[in-house]
C-alpha atoms as a PDB file:
ATOM      1  CA  LEU A   1     -47.235  36.897 -37.175  1.00  0.00           C
ATOM      2  CA  GLN A   2     -47.694  33.725 -39.193  1.00  0.00           C
ATOM      3  CA  ILE A   3     -44.030  32.752 -38.799  1.00  0.00           C
ATOM      4  CA  TYR A   4     -44.455  32.749 -35.018  1.00  0.00           C
ATOM      5  CA  GLY A   5     -47.168  30.118 -35.410  1.00  0.00           C
ATOM      6  CA  TYR A   6     -44.811  27.901 -37.398  1.00  0.00           C
ATOM      7  CA  ILE A   7     -41.983  28.321 -34.918  1.00  0.00           C
ATOM      8  CA  SER A   8     -44.310  27.653 -31.998  1.00  0.00           C
ATOM      9  CA  GLY A   9     -45.655  24.523 -33.692  1.00  0.00           C
ATOM     10  CA  ILE A  10     -42.170  23.186 -34.368  1.00  0.00           C
ATOM     11  CA  PHE A  11     -41.094  23.881 -30.797  1.00  0.00           C
ATOM     12  CA  GLN A  12     -44.187  22.248 -29.310  1.00  0.00           C
ATOM     13  CA  SER A  13     -43.789  19.206 -31.563  1.00  0.00           C
ATOM     14  CA  ALA A  14     -40.139  18.755 -30.613  1.00  0.00           C
ATOM     15  CA  PHE A  15     -40.947  19.221 -26.930  1.00  0.00           C
ATOM     16  CA  SER A  16     -43.777  16.686 -27.059  1.00  0.00           C
ATOM     17  CA  LEU A  17     -41.656  14.128 -28.894  1.00  0.00           C
ATOM     18  CA  GLY A  18     -38.927  14.553 -26.297  1.00  0.00           C
ATOM     19  CA  MET A  19     -41.424  14.128 -23.471  1.00  0.00           C
ATOM     20  CA  PHE A  20     -42.541  10.849 -25.063  1.00  0.00           C
ATOM     21  CA  PHE A  21     -39.263   9.345 -26.257  1.00  0.00           C
ATOM     22  CA  GLY A  22     -37.192  10.276 -23.205  1.00  0.00           C
ATOM     23  CA  PRO A  23     -39.122   8.268 -20.617  1.00  0.00           C
ATOM     24  CA  THR A  24     -39.781   5.487 -23.125  1.00  0.00           C
ATOM     25  CA  ALA A  25     -36.087   5.072 -23.942  1.00  0.00           C
ATOM     26  CA  GLY A  26     -35.172   5.408 -20.267  1.00  0.00           C
ATOM     27  CA  GLY A  27     -37.644   2.745 -19.213  1.00  0.00           C
ATOM     28  CA  LEU A  28     -36.512   0.350 -21.914  1.00  0.00           C
ATOM     29  CA  SER A  29     -32.850   0.846 -21.064  1.00  0.00           C
ATOM     30  CA  VAL A  30     -33.551   0.208 -17.372  1.00  0.00           C
ATOM     31  CA  GLU A  31     -35.303  -3.035 -18.303  1.00  0.00           C
ATOM     32  CA  TRP A  32     -32.594  -4.162 -20.725  1.00  0.00           C
ATOM     33  CA  ILE A  33     -29.325  -3.096 -19.094  1.00  0.00           C
ATOM     34  CA  GLY A  34     -30.322  -2.204 -15.536  1.00  0.00           C
ATOM     35  CA  PHE A  35     -30.618   0.930 -13.458  1.00  0.00           C
ATOM     36  CA  GLU A  36     -26.911   1.282 -12.655  1.00  0.00           C
ATOM     37  CA  TRP A  37     -25.751   1.145 -16.282  1.00  0.00           C
ATOM     38  CA  THR A  38     -28.531   3.467 -17.376  1.00  0.00           C
ATOM     39  CA  CYS A  39     -27.415   6.029 -14.783  1.00  0.00           C
ATOM     40  CA  THR A  40     -23.800   5.600 -15.905  1.00  0.00           C
ATOM     41  CA  ILE A  41     -24.696   6.220 -19.553  1.00  0.00           C
ATOM     42  CA  ILE A  42     -26.804   9.277 -18.702  1.00  0.00           C
ATOM     43  CA  ALA A  43     -23.984  10.662 -16.533  1.00  0.00           C
ATOM     44  CA  PHE A  44     -21.544  10.138 -19.423  1.00  0.00           C
ATOM     45  CA  PHE A  45     -23.816  12.112 -21.758  1.00  0.00           C
ATOM     46  CA  HIS A  46     -24.142  14.913 -19.195  1.00  0.00           C
ATOM     47  CA  VAL A  47     -20.377  15.165 -18.669  1.00  0.00           C
ATOM     48  CA  THR A  48     -19.791  15.115 -22.434  1.00  0.00           C
ATOM     49  CA  PHE A  49     -22.352  17.884 -22.930  1.00  0.00           C
ATOM     50  CA  VAL A  50     -20.738  20.029 -20.234  1.00  0.00           C
ATOM     51  CA  LYS A  51     -17.342  19.534 -21.901  1.00  0.00           C
ATOM     52  CA  PHE A  52     -18.789  20.769 -25.205  1.00  0.00           C
ATOM     53  CA  LEU A  53     -20.288  23.806 -23.462  1.00  0.00           C
ATOM     54  CA  ASP A  54     -16.861  24.618 -22.069  1.00  0.00           C
ATOM     55  CA  LEU A  55     -15.342  24.983 -25.566  1.00  0.00           C
END
């Protein structure tokens, strides 16, 4: 039962960090390179991820 606490803590920590860094990085990239380029970069990452899932 103790291992489930560790796993849950790691998952919650990773989730919380992602919920903080995602919008922060997105907001900074919109300010620095603009909305259009930010959307293009995110779309590139999504397409690349889908290609890796297809392997």
